[in-house]
C-alpha atoms as a PDB file:
ATOM      1  CA  UNK A   1      -2.233  50.111 -11.070  1.00  0.00           C
ATOM      2  CA  UNK A   2      -2.806  46.297 -11.107  1.00  0.00           C
ATOM      3  CA  UNK A   3       0.104  44.214  -9.840  1.00  0.00           C
ATOM      4  CA  UNK A   4       1.801  41.527 -11.916  1.00  0.00           C
ATOM      5  CA  UNK A   5       4.319  40.360  -9.289  1.00  0.00           C
ATOM      6  CA  UNK A   6       4.272  40.584  -5.515  1.00  0.00           C
ATOM      7  CA  UNK A   7       6.638  39.005  -3.026  1.00  0.00           C
ATOM      8  CA  UNK A   8       6.504  39.423   0.738  1.00  0.00           C
ATOM      9  CA  UNK A   9       9.413  38.388   2.993  1.00  0.00           C
ATOM     10  CA  UNK A  10      10.476  35.783   0.439  1.00  0.00           C
ATOM     11  CA  UNK A  11      13.208  33.453   1.710  1.00  0.00           C
ATOM     12  CA  UNK A  12      15.197  30.674   0.058  1.00  0.00           C
ATOM     13  CA  UNK A  13      18.125  28.719   1.422  1.00  0.00           C
ATOM     14  CA  UNK A  14      20.416  26.158  -0.196  1.00  0.00           C
ATOM     15  CA  UNK A  15      22.085  24.384   2.694  1.00  0.00           C
ATOM     16  CA  UNK A  16      24.055  26.994   4.621  1.00  0.00           C
ATOM     17  CA  UNK A  17      23.643  29.577   1.824  1.00  0.00           C
ATOM     18  CA  UNK A  18      20.823  32.085   2.178  1.00  0.00           C
ATOM     19  CA  UNK A  19      19.937  33.002  -1.398  1.00  0.00           C
ATOM     20  CA  UNK A  20      16.921  35.190  -0.572  1.00  0.00           C
ATOM     21  CA  UNK A  21      16.495  36.956   2.750  1.00  0.00           C
ATOM     22  CA  UNK A  22      12.969  38.412   3.202  1.00  0.00           C
ATOM     23  CA  UNK A  23      12.883  39.802  -0.322  1.00  0.00           C
ATOM     24  CA  UNK A  24      10.117  42.350  -1.023  1.00  0.00           C
ATOM     25  CA  UNK A  25       9.172  43.085  -4.618  1.00  0.00           C
ATOM     26  CA  UNK A  26       6.196  44.680  -6.392  1.00  0.00           C
ATOM     27  CA  UNK A  27       5.932  44.963 -10.181  1.00  0.00           C
ATOM     28  CA  UNK A  28       3.008  46.830 -11.798  1.00  0.00           C
ATOM     29  CA  UNK A  29       1.270  45.203 -14.739  1.00  0.00           C
ATOM     30  CA  UNK A  30       2.379  46.288 -18.218  1.00  0.00           C
ATOM     31  CA  UNK A  31       5.823  47.553 -17.217  1.00  0.00           C
ATOM     32  CA  UNK A  32       9.466  46.481 -17.416  1.00  0.00           C
ATOM     33  CA  UNK A  33      10.988  45.962 -13.986  1.00  0.00           C
ATOM     34  CA  UNK A  34      14.732  45.472 -13.819  1.00  0.00           C
ATOM     35  CA  UNK A  35      16.527  43.399 -11.191  1.00  0.00           C
ATOM     36  CA  UNK A  36      20.120  44.505 -10.671  1.00  0.00           C
ATOM     37  CA  UNK A  37      22.714  43.085  -8.342  1.00  0.00           C
ATOM     38  CA  UNK A  38      26.103  41.422  -8.041  1.00  0.00           C
ATOM     39  CA  UNK A  39      26.645  37.817  -9.062  1.00  0.00           C
ATOM     40  CA  UNK A  40      25.059  35.606  -6.437  1.00  0.00           C
ATOM     41  CA  UNK A  41      22.756  38.368  -5.182  1.00  0.00           C
ATOM     42  CA  UNK A  42      19.586  36.324  -5.727  1.00  0.00           C
ATOM     43  CA  UNK A  43      18.288  37.555  -9.088  1.00  0.00           C
ATOM     44  CA  UNK A  44      18.026  34.190 -10.820  1.00  0.00           C
ATOM     45  CA  UNK A  45      16.726  32.522  -7.654  1.00  0.00           C
ATOM     46  CA  UNK A  46      13.917  35.085  -7.559  1.00  0.00           C
ATOM     47  CA  UNK A  47      13.019  34.354 -11.185  1.00  0.00           C
ATOM     48  CA  UNK A  48      13.080  30.598 -10.617  1.00  0.00           C
ATOM     49  CA  UNK A  49      10.689  30.885  -7.681  1.00  0.00           C
ATOM     50  CA  UNK A  50       8.274  33.145  -9.560  1.00  0.00           C
ATOM     51  CA  UNK A  51       8.423  30.781 -12.548  1.00  0.00           C
ATOM     52  CA  UNK A  52       7.561  27.837 -10.221  1.00  0.00           C
ATOM     53  CA  UNK A  53      10.847  26.048 -10.952  1.00  0.00           C
ATOM     54  CA  UNK A  54      11.776  25.960  -7.267  1.00  0.00           C
ATOM     55  CA  UNK A  55       9.719  26.525  -4.120  1.00  0.00           C
ATOM     56  CA  UNK A  56      10.450  29.229  -1.552  1.00  0.00           C
ATOM     57  CA  UNK A  57      11.166  28.240   2.044  1.00  0.00           C
ATOM     58  CA  UNK A  58       9.188  31.121   3.542  1.00  0.00           C
ATOM     59  CA  UNK A  59       7.163  34.128   2.487  1.00  0.00           C
ATOM     60  CA  UNK A  60       4.694  34.866  -0.286  1.00  0.00           C
ATOM     61  CA  UNK A  61       5.221  35.008  -4.054  1.00  0.00           C
ATOM     62  CA  UNK A  62       2.319  35.869  -6.344  1.00  0.00           C
ATOM     63  CA  UNK A  63       1.888  36.282 -10.110  1.00  0.00           C
ATOM     64  CA  UNK A  64      -1.234  38.231 -11.072  1.00  0.00           C
ATOM     65  CA  UNK A  65      -2.556  37.489  -7.585  1.00  0.00           C
ATOM     66  CA  UNK A  66      -1.994  33.717  -7.839  1.00  0.00           C
ATOM     67  CA  UNK A  67       0.251  32.121  -5.219  1.00  0.00           C
ATOM     68  CA  UNK A  68       3.124  30.255  -6.905  1.00  0.00           C
ATOM     69  CA  UNK A  69       3.064  27.465  -4.307  1.00  0.00           C
ATOM     70  CA  UNK A  70      -0.681  26.950  -4.068  1.00  0.00           C
ATOM     71  CA  UNK A  71      -1.457  26.982  -7.787  1.00  0.00           C
ATOM     72  CA  UNK A  72       1.762  26.565  -9.803  1.00  0.00           C
ATOM     73  CA  UNK A  73      -0.049  25.135 -12.835  1.00  0.00           C
ATOM     74  CA  UNK A  74      -2.155  28.261 -13.204  1.00  0.00           C
ATOM     75  CA  UNK A  75       0.930  30.450 -12.802  1.00  0.00           C
ATOM     76  CA  UNK A  76       2.728  28.538 -15.559  1.00  0.00           C
ATOM     77  CA  UNK A  77      -0.176  29.187 -17.919  1.00  0.00           C
ATOM     78  CA  UNK A  78       0.344  32.946 -17.524  1.00  0.00           C
ATOM     79  CA  UNK A  79       4.127  33.248 -17.890  1.00  0.00           C
ATOM     80  CA  UNK A  80       6.952  32.856 -20.365  1.00  0.00           C
ATOM     81  CA  UNK A  81      10.598  32.336 -19.459  1.00  0.00           C
ATOM     82  CA  UNK A  82      13.811  33.073 -21.323  1.00  0.00           C
ATOM     83  CA  UNK A  83      16.875  31.956 -19.398  1.00  0.00           C
ATOM     84  CA  UNK A  84      20.474  33.124 -19.502  1.00  0.00           C
ATOM     85  CA  UNK A  85      21.232  30.839 -22.441  1.00  0.00           C
ATOM     86  CA  UNK A  86      19.045  30.154 -25.452  1.00  0.00           C
ATOM     87  CA  UNK A  87      17.160  26.906 -24.761  1.00  0.00           C
ATOM     88  CA  UNK A  88      16.388  25.696 -28.266  1.00  0.00           C
ATOM     89  CA  UNK A  89      16.497  22.190 -29.687  1.00  0.00           C
ATOM     90  CA  UNK A  90      19.366  21.954 -32.179  1.00  0.00           C
ATOM     91  CA  UNK A  91      17.812  18.996 -34.023  1.00  0.00           C
ATOM     92  CA  UNK A  92      14.557  20.796 -34.808  1.00  0.00           C
ATOM     93  CA  UNK A  93      14.110  23.704 -37.179  1.00  0.00           C
ATOM     94  CA  UNK A  94      13.175  27.116 -35.859  1.00  0.00           C
ATOM     95  CA  UNK A  95       9.548  26.538 -36.850  1.00  0.00           C
ATOM     96  CA  UNK A  96       9.511  23.074 -35.273  1.00  0.00           C
ATOM     97  CA  UNK A  97      10.892  24.497 -32.040  1.00  0.00           C
ATOM     98  CA  UNK A  98       7.954  26.869 -31.816  1.00  0.00           C
ATOM     99  CA  UNK A  99       5.467  24.118 -32.730  1.00  0.00           C
ATOM    100  CA  UNK A 100       6.864  21.928 -29.952  1.00  0.00           C
ATOM    101  CA  UNK A 101       6.464  24.662 -27.344  1.00  0.00           C
ATOM    102  CA  UNK A 102       2.945  25.410 -28.544  1.00  0.00           C
ATOM    103  CA  UNK A 103       1.918  21.769 -28.270  1.00  0.00           C
ATOM    104  CA  UNK A 104       3.365  21.587 -24.754  1.00  0.00           C
ATOM    105  CA  UNK A 105       1.005  24.450 -23.922  1.00  0.00           C
ATOM    106  CA  UNK A 106      -1.797  22.366 -25.482  1.00  0.00           C
ATOM    107  CA  UNK A 107      -2.414  24.675 -28.392  1.00  0.00           C
ATOM    108  CA  UNK A 108      -4.142  23.053 -31.351  1.00  0.00           C
ATOM    109  CA  UNK A 109      -2.065  22.201 -34.415  1.00  0.00           C
ATOM    110  CA  UNK A 110      -3.779  24.989 -36.323  1.00  0.00           C
ATOM    111  CA  UNK A 111      -3.080  27.535 -33.572  1.00  0.00           C
ATOM    112  CA  UNK A 112       0.531  26.352 -33.349  1.00  0.00           C
ATOM    113  CA  UNK A 113       1.097  26.893 -37.057  1.00  0.00           C
ATOM    114  CA  UNK A 114      -0.584  30.288 -37.051  1.00  0.00           C
ATOM    115  CA  UNK A 115       1.176  31.527 -33.909  1.00  0.00           C
ATOM    116  CA  UNK A 116       4.587  30.241 -35.035  1.00  0.00           C
ATOM    117  CA  UNK A 117       4.262  31.965 -38.416  1.00  0.00           C
ATOM    118  CA  UNK A 118       3.206  35.190 -36.694  1.00  0.00           C
ATOM    119  CA  UNK A 119       6.195  35.139 -34.326  1.00  0.00           C
ATOM    120  CA  UNK A 120       8.717  34.134 -36.982  1.00  0.00           C
ATOM    121  CA  UNK A 121       7.628  37.089 -39.096  1.00  0.00           C
ATOM    122  CA  UNK A 122       7.580  39.487 -36.153  1.00  0.00           C
ATOM    123  CA  UNK A 123      11.069  38.487 -35.033  1.00  0.00           C
ATOM    124  CA  UNK A 124      12.557  38.564 -38.510  1.00  0.00           C
ATOM    125  CA  UNK A 125      13.154  34.806 -38.710  1.00  0.00           C
ATOM    126  CA  UNK A 126      10.978  33.865 -41.696  1.00  0.00           C
ATOM    127  CA  UNK A 127      13.941  33.132 -43.970  1.00  0.00           C
ATOM    128  CA  UNK A 128      15.564  30.937 -41.322  1.00  0.00           C
ATOM    129  CA  UNK A 129      12.362  29.255 -40.127  1.00  0.00           C
ATOM    130  CA  UNK A 130      13.134  25.884 -41.731  1.00  0.00           C
ATOM    131  CA  UNK A 131      16.797  25.760 -40.734  1.00  0.00           C
ATOM    132  CA  UNK A 132      18.224  24.224 -37.586  1.00  0.00           C
ATOM    133  CA  UNK A 133      19.246  26.719 -34.875  1.00  0.00           C
ATOM    134  CA  UNK A 134      22.844  25.499 -35.010  1.00  0.00           C
ATOM    135  CA  UNK A 135      23.105  27.523 -38.229  1.00  0.00           C
ATOM    136  CA  UNK A 136      21.789  30.682 -36.514  1.00  0.00           C
ATOM    137  CA  UNK A 137      23.806  33.587 -35.186  1.00  0.00           C
ATOM    138  CA  UNK A 138      23.703  34.308 -31.463  1.00  0.00           C
ATOM    139  CA  UNK A 139      21.176  37.074 -31.955  1.00  0.00           C
ATOM    140  CA  UNK A 140      18.912  34.851 -34.068  1.00  0.00           C
ATOM    141  CA  UNK A 141      19.019  32.091 -31.468  1.00  0.00           C
ATOM    142  CA  UNK A 142      18.081  34.552 -28.753  1.00  0.00           C
ATOM    143  CA  UNK A 143      15.182  35.907 -30.839  1.00  0.00           C
ATOM    144  CA  UNK A 144      13.936  32.361 -31.395  1.00  0.00           C
ATOM    145  CA  UNK A 145      14.198  31.697 -27.658  1.00  0.00           C
ATOM    146  CA  UNK A 146      12.147  34.812 -26.839  1.00  0.00           C
ATOM    147  CA  UNK A 147       9.620  33.850 -29.524  1.00  0.00           C
ATOM    148  CA  UNK A 148       9.225  30.417 -27.928  1.00  0.00           C
ATOM    149  CA  UNK A 149       8.432  32.032 -24.581  1.00  0.00           C
ATOM    150  CA  UNK A 150       5.601  33.964 -26.258  1.00  0.00           C
ATOM    151  CA  UNK A 151       3.847  31.057 -27.992  1.00  0.00           C
ATOM    152  CA  UNK A 152       1.057  30.915 -25.383  1.00  0.00           C
ATOM    153  CA  UNK A 153       0.649  34.720 -25.265  1.00  0.00           C
ATOM    154  CA  UNK A 154       1.767  35.071 -21.625  1.00  0.00           C
ATOM    155  CA  UNK A 155       0.945  38.166 -19.624  1.00  0.00           C
ATOM    156  CA  UNK A 156       4.319  38.053 -17.890  1.00  0.00           C
ATOM    157  CA  UNK A 157       7.703  37.248 -19.409  1.00  0.00           C
ATOM    158  CA  UNK A 158      10.874  36.608 -17.411  1.00  0.00           C
ATOM    159  CA  UNK A 159      14.043  37.621 -19.242  1.00  0.00           C
ATOM    160  CA  UNK A 160      17.001  36.372 -17.219  1.00  0.00           C
ATOM    161  CA  UNK A 161      20.090  38.152 -18.575  1.00  0.00           C
ATOM    162  CA  UNK A 162      18.757  37.841 -22.134  1.00  0.00           C
ATOM    163  CA  UNK A 163      21.671  39.593 -23.881  1.00  0.00           C
ATOM    164  CA  UNK A 164      24.581  37.844 -22.170  1.00  0.00           C
ATOM    165  CA  UNK A 165      27.247  37.062 -24.771  1.00  0.00           C
ATOM    166  CA  UNK A 166      25.537  38.930 -27.601  1.00  0.00           C
ATOM    167  CA  UNK A 167      27.276  41.465 -29.807  1.00  0.00           C
ATOM    168  CA  UNK A 168      26.029  45.099 -29.678  1.00  0.00           C
ATOM    169  CA  UNK A 169      23.825  44.747 -32.752  1.00  0.00           C
ATOM    170  CA  UNK A 170      22.114  41.613 -31.444  1.00  0.00           C
ATOM    171  CA  UNK A 171      21.676  43.268 -28.059  1.00  0.00           C
ATOM    172  CA  UNK A 172      19.880  46.181 -29.720  1.00  0.00           C
ATOM    173  CA  UNK A 173      17.584  43.706 -31.482  1.00  0.00           C
ATOM    174  CA  UNK A 174      16.592  42.180 -28.148  1.00  0.00           C
ATOM    175  CA  UNK A 175      15.983  45.668 -26.732  1.00  0.00           C
ATOM    176  CA  UNK A 176      13.623  46.381 -29.600  1.00  0.00           C
ATOM    177  CA  UNK A 177      11.723  43.160 -28.921  1.00  0.00           C
ATOM    178  CA  UNK A 178      11.342  44.016 -25.243  1.00  0.00           C
ATOM    179  CA  UNK A 179       9.919  47.431 -26.071  1.00  0.00           C
ATOM    180  CA  UNK A 180       7.439  45.825 -28.493  1.00  0.00           C
ATOM    181  CA  UNK A 181       6.326  43.340 -25.836  1.00  0.00           C
ATOM    182  CA  UNK A 182       5.547  46.092 -23.350  1.00  0.00           C
ATOM    183  CA  UNK A 183       3.784  48.151 -26.023  1.00  0.00           C
ATOM    184  CA  UNK A 184       1.485  45.131 -26.469  1.00  0.00           C
ATOM    185  CA  UNK A 185       0.700  45.106 -22.721  1.00  0.00           C
ATOM    186  CA  UNK A 186       3.085  42.356 -21.614  1.00  0.00           C
ATOM    187  CA  UNK A 187       4.834  42.681 -18.250  1.00  0.00           C
ATOM    188  CA  UNK A 188       8.577  41.985 -18.289  1.00  0.00           C
ATOM    189  CA  UNK A 189      10.820  41.107 -15.358  1.00  0.00           C
ATOM    190  CA  UNK A 190      14.368  41.689 -16.576  1.00  0.00           C
ATOM    191  CA  UNK A 191      17.514  40.587 -14.797  1.00  0.00           C
ATOM    192  CA  UNK A 192      20.713  42.020 -16.208  1.00  0.00           C
ATOM    193  CA  UNK A 193      24.254  42.960 -15.335  1.00  0.00           C
ATOM    194  CA  UNK A 194      24.364  45.526 -18.138  1.00  0.00           C
ATOM    195  CA  UNK A 195      23.401  48.769 -16.420  1.00  0.00           C
ATOM    196  CA  UNK A 196      22.930  50.586 -19.721  1.00  0.00           C
ATOM    197  CA  UNK A 197      20.394  47.918 -20.657  1.00  0.00           C
ATOM    198  CA  UNK A 198      18.448  48.476 -17.452  1.00  0.00           C
ATOM    199  CA  UNK A 199      18.552  52.237 -17.952  1.00  0.00           C
ATOM    200  CA  UNK A 200      17.266  51.904 -21.520  1.00  0.00           C
ATOM    201  CA  UNK A 201      14.464  49.407 -20.880  1.00  0.00           C
ATOM    202  CA  UNK A 202      13.247  49.475 -17.287  1.00  0.00           C
ATOM    203  CA  UNK A 203      10.350  51.570 -16.018  1.00  0.00           C
ATOM    204  CA  UNK A 204      11.438  50.721 -12.475  1.00  0.00           C
ATOM    205  CA  UNK A 205      14.389  48.980 -10.842  1.00  0.00           C
ATOM    206  CA  UNK A 206      15.277  47.029  -7.735  1.00  0.00           C
ATOM    207  CA  UNK A 207      18.856  46.488  -6.648  1.00  0.00           C
ATOM    208  CA  UNK A 208      19.347  43.174  -4.845  1.00  0.00           C
ATOM    209  CA  UNK A 209      22.340  42.381  -2.672  1.00  0.00           C
ATOM    210  CA  UNK A 210      22.789  39.326  -0.455  1.00  0.00           C
ATOM    211  CA  UNK A 211      19.263  38.174  -1.131  1.00  0.00           C
ATOM    212  CA  UNK A 212      17.353  41.320  -0.237  1.00  0.00           C
ATOM    213  CA  UNK A 213      16.186  44.452  -2.043  1.00  0.00           C
ATOM    214  CA  UNK A 214      18.283  47.363  -0.832  1.00  0.00           C
ATOM    215  CA  UNK A 215      16.824  50.109  -3.037  1.00  0.00           C
ATOM    216  CA  UNK A 216      13.967  50.492  -5.552  1.00  0.00           C
ATOM    217  CA  UNK A 217      12.647  53.227  -7.804  1.00  0.00           C
ATOM    218  CA  UNK A 218      12.653  54.543 -11.340  1.00  0.00           C
ATOM    219  CA  UNK A 219      16.065  54.914 -13.017  1.00  0.00           C
ATOM    220  CA  UNK A 220      15.893  58.697 -12.585  1.00  0.00           C
ATOM    221  CA  UNK A 221      14.933  58.393  -8.909  1.00  0.00           C
ATOM    222  CA  UNK A 222      17.841  56.062  -8.198  1.00  0.00           C
ATOM    223  CA  UNK A 223      20.307  58.213 -10.097  1.00  0.00           C
ATOM    224  CA  UNK A 224      19.167  61.257  -8.112  1.00  0.00           C
ATOM    225  CA  UNK A 225      20.052  59.373  -4.908  1.00  0.00           C
ATOM    226  CA  UNK A 226      23.604  58.889  -6.178  1.00  0.00           C
ATOM    227  CA  UNK A 227      24.239  62.629  -6.064  1.00  0.00           C
ATOM    228  CA  UNK A 228      23.681  65.802  -8.073  1.00  0.00           C
ATOM    229  CA  UNK A 229      24.782  66.530 -11.604  1.00  0.00           C
ATOM    230  CA  UNK A 230      28.400  67.652 -11.865  1.00  0.00           C
ATOM    231  CA  UNK A 231      29.892  70.281 -14.118  1.00  0.00           C
ATOM    232  CA  UNK A 232      33.462  70.246 -15.389  1.00  0.00           C
ATOM    233  CA  UNK A 233      34.914  73.484 -16.730  1.00  0.00           C
ATOM    234  CA  UNK A 234      38.148  73.654 -18.698  1.00  0.00           C
ATOM    235  CA  UNK A 235      39.823  77.062 -18.486  1.00  0.00           C
ATOM    236  CA  UNK A 236      41.950  78.772 -21.118  1.00  0.00           C
ATOM    237  CA  UNK A 237      43.866  80.735 -18.496  1.00  0.00           C
ATOM    238  CA  UNK A 238      45.280  78.854 -15.502  1.00  0.00           C
ATOM    239  CA  UNK A 239      45.539  82.163 -13.663  1.00  0.00           C
ATOM    240  CA  UNK A 240      41.750  82.313 -13.492  1.00  0.00           C
ATOM    241  CA  UNK A 241      41.429  79.049 -11.569  1.00  0.00           C
ATOM    242  CA  UNK A 242      41.233  80.482  -8.051  1.00  0.00           C
ATOM    243  CA  UNK A 243      38.688  83.078  -9.133  1.00  0.00           C
ATOM    244  CA  UNK A 244      36.593  80.384 -10.862  1.00  0.00           C
ATOM    245  CA  UNK A 245      36.617  78.228  -7.741  1.00  0.00           C
ATOM    246  CA  UNK A 246      35.545  81.191  -5.619  1.00  0.00           C
ATOM    247  CA  UNK A 247      32.673  82.138  -7.958  1.00  0.00           C
ATOM    248  CA  UNK A 248      31.388  78.556  -8.131  1.00  0.00           C
ATOM    249  CA  UNK A 249      31.611  78.163  -4.362  1.00  0.00           C
ATOM    250  CA  UNK A 250      29.651  81.363  -3.773  1.00  0.00           C
ATOM    251  CA  UNK A 251      27.029  80.553  -6.400  1.00  0.00           C
ATOM    252  CA  UNK A 252      26.552  76.828  -5.728  1.00  0.00           C
ATOM    253  CA  UNK A 253      27.278  76.683  -2.012  1.00  0.00           C
ATOM    254  CA  UNK A 254      29.560  73.685  -2.571  1.00  0.00           C
ATOM    255  CA  UNK A 255      33.312  73.106  -2.692  1.00  0.00           C
ATOM    256  CA  UNK A 256      34.596  72.869  -6.259  1.00  0.00           C
ATOM    257  CA  UNK A 257      37.684  70.767  -6.943  1.00  0.00           C
ATOM    258  CA  UNK A 258      40.500  72.314  -8.988  1.00  0.00           C
ATOM    259  CA  UNK A 259      42.797  70.242 -11.180  1.00  0.00           C
ATOM    260  CA  UNK A 260      45.612  72.615 -12.224  1.00  0.00           C
ATOM    261  CA  UNK A 261      47.322  69.923 -14.322  1.00  0.00           C
ATOM    262  CA  UNK A 262      44.308  69.764 -16.643  1.00  0.00           C
ATOM    263  CA  UNK A 263      43.230  73.374 -16.111  1.00  0.00           C
ATOM    264  CA  UNK A 264      39.831  72.082 -14.996  1.00  0.00           C
ATOM    265  CA  UNK A 265      37.419  72.861 -12.177  1.00  0.00           C
ATOM    266  CA  UNK A 266      34.741  70.345 -11.137  1.00  0.00           C
ATOM    267  CA  UNK A 267      31.716  71.117  -8.976  1.00  0.00           C
ATOM    268  CA  UNK A 268      28.332  69.595  -8.050  1.00  0.00           C
ATOM    269  CA  UNK A 269      25.522  71.377  -9.858  1.00  0.00           C
ATOM    270  CA  UNK A 270      23.023  71.665  -7.032  1.00  0.00           C
ATOM    271  CA  UNK A 271      19.959  73.894  -6.737  1.00  0.00           C
ATOM    272  CA  UNK A 272      22.222  76.935  -6.702  1.00  0.00           C
ATOM    273  CA  UNK A 273      21.958  77.513 -10.444  1.00  0.00           C
ATOM    274  CA  UNK A 274      21.622  76.044 -13.901  1.00  0.00           C
ATOM    275  CA  UNK A 275      24.495  75.463 -16.276  1.00  0.00           C
ATOM    276  CA  UNK A 276      23.569  78.398 -18.577  1.00  0.00           C
ATOM    277  CA  UNK A 277      23.393  80.679 -15.518  1.00  0.00           C
ATOM    278  CA  UNK A 278      26.875  79.632 -14.424  1.00  0.00           C
ATOM    279  CA  UNK A 279      28.372  80.082 -17.872  1.00  0.00           C
ATOM    280  CA  UNK A 280      26.842  83.535 -18.170  1.00  0.00           C
ATOM    281  CA  UNK A 281      28.202  84.487 -14.746  1.00  0.00           C
ATOM    282  CA  UNK A 282      31.715  83.279 -15.592  1.00  0.00           C
ATOM    283  CA  UNK A 283      31.646  85.113 -18.924  1.00  0.00           C
ATOM    284  CA  UNK A 284      30.582  88.351 -17.209  1.00  0.00           C
ATOM    285  CA  UNK A 285      33.455  87.850 -14.759  1.00  0.00           C
ATOM    286  CA  UNK A 286      35.927  87.760 -17.630  1.00  0.00           C
ATOM    287  CA  UNK A 287      36.820  84.073 -17.322  1.00  0.00           C
ATOM    288  CA  UNK A 288      37.698  82.449 -20.656  1.00  0.00           C
ATOM    289  CA  UNK A 289      36.277  78.920 -20.957  1.00  0.00           C
ATOM    290  CA  UNK A 290      37.655  76.318 -23.325  1.00  0.00           C
ATOM    291  CA  UNK A 291      35.180  73.508 -22.701  1.00  0.00           C
ATOM    292  CA  UNK A 292      32.252  72.563 -20.470  1.00  0.00           C
ATOM    293  CA  UNK A 293      31.012  69.062 -19.633  1.00  0.00           C
ATOM    294  CA  UNK A 294      27.879  68.152 -17.704  1.00  0.00           C
ATOM    295  CA  UNK A 295      27.945  64.710 -16.119  1.00  0.00           C
ATOM    296  CA  UNK A 296      24.773  63.204 -14.728  1.00  0.00           C
ATOM    297  CA  UNK A 297      24.849  60.309 -12.254  1.00  0.00           C
ATOM    298  CA  UNK A 298      24.570  56.916 -13.929  1.00  0.00           C
ATOM    299  CA  UNK A 299      23.299  53.557 -12.744  1.00  0.00           C
ATOM    300  CA  UNK A 300      26.960  52.652 -12.272  1.00  0.00           C
ATOM    301  CA  UNK A 301      27.084  55.389  -9.640  1.00  0.00           C
ATOM    302  CA  UNK A 302      23.916  54.005  -8.054  1.00  0.00           C
ATOM    303  CA  UNK A 303      25.350  50.499  -8.016  1.00  0.00           C
ATOM    304  CA  UNK A 304      28.568  51.703  -6.418  1.00  0.00           C
ATOM    305  CA  UNK A 305      26.698  53.808  -3.862  1.00  0.00           C
ATOM    306  CA  UNK A 306      24.316  51.107  -2.644  1.00  0.00           C
ATOM    307  CA  UNK A 307      26.516  47.991  -2.920  1.00  0.00           C
ATOM    308  CA  UNK A 308      29.948  49.463  -2.246  1.00  0.00           C
ATOM    309  CA  UNK A 309      31.392  48.073  -5.472  1.00  0.00           C
ATOM    310  CA  UNK A 310      31.115  48.740  -9.176  1.00  0.00           C
ATOM    311  CA  UNK A 311      29.049  46.616 -11.531  1.00  0.00           C
ATOM    312  CA  UNK A 312      32.214  45.602 -13.418  1.00  0.00           C
ATOM    313  CA  UNK A 313      33.674  44.054 -10.256  1.00  0.00           C
ATOM    314  CA  UNK A 314      30.551  42.767  -8.558  1.00  0.00           C
ATOM    315  CA  UNK A 315      31.333  39.094  -8.016  1.00  0.00           C
ATOM    316  CA  UNK A 316      29.956  38.119  -4.644  1.00  0.00           C
ATOM    317  CA  UNK A 317      32.221  36.356  -2.153  1.00  0.00           C
ATOM    318  CA  UNK A 318      29.632  33.605  -1.796  1.00  0.00           C
ATOM    319  CA  UNK A 319      29.996  32.886  -5.492  1.00  0.00           C
ATOM    320  CA  UNK A 320      32.018  30.007  -6.842  1.00  0.00           C
ATOM    321  CA  UNK A 321      34.198  32.509  -8.688  1.00  0.00           C
ATOM    322  CA  UNK A 322      33.088  31.522 -12.187  1.00  0.00           C
ATOM    323  CA  UNK A 323      30.968  34.601 -12.749  1.00  0.00           C
ATOM    324  CA  UNK A 324      27.599  32.888 -12.590  1.00  0.00           C
ATOM    325  CA  UNK A 325      24.953  33.103  -9.953  1.00  0.00           C
ATOM    326  CA  UNK A 326      24.238  30.268  -7.587  1.00  0.00           C
ATOM    327  CA  UNK A 327      21.678  28.589  -7.984  1.00  0.00           C
END
């Protein structure tokens, strides 16, 4: 599959701070690739280098085979960028914002008008097109920002934490837009701290910590590395707990954990059997079951496994403590 992004031993330092440390990244064309990592891990720095906003100190960074240092102008003609905060001009209307971006890309006035009208309709902003963005909701501003990044029909779009601060409904709107972009053949590099967002949107993921990629793969591949599925069984008779533990141990070859206070038994569901098989076995053994829950590993489990901390408490010690990545 053709490659949209390739980095080889990419390094970037800001004084004594090493932001990227030999970062390796490959993103196939026409896919969504998610970058996950704690605050300060290097996600935004990676995007800024690939978008030609800053230069790397060492290593190679390419967009569609073009080196970002050797030919930054050509790279800029192929990309769109949406940052962490909507970058729209409050004094212009939504339509005028898109016209301005189009003219900066040297589109003709006719093409600007046609493309702006197309994007305003596609993103559901026709009724607000001639209003200033200061009257928009957060979700509308973000949709306008994404639309602006698409004025020149880029093959690659960088979405740097695009749903930060949005309410759930607005976040779902952005998710829909991302899926439509990829359906049209656009490549998306997505940085996010919302693991559910990455799980929903990304075809592949890379987890970055301290400036280097520590694990990559599809969401399912990464979740499989975090451990097997687990089954939780709630019993109706506490006297059957020991027998349930013994049966599960013999069948699964693992050590179930009993919680007498909740009348529950938990066990990894390995290759020793499927959930229906286990339930049938317990029923044949005369064990009355009140409830059964199957829990699959999540990206939160992956994050905890590979970084040693949860995504909800992932502020890096190198960070200034304000919850934003440097630089």
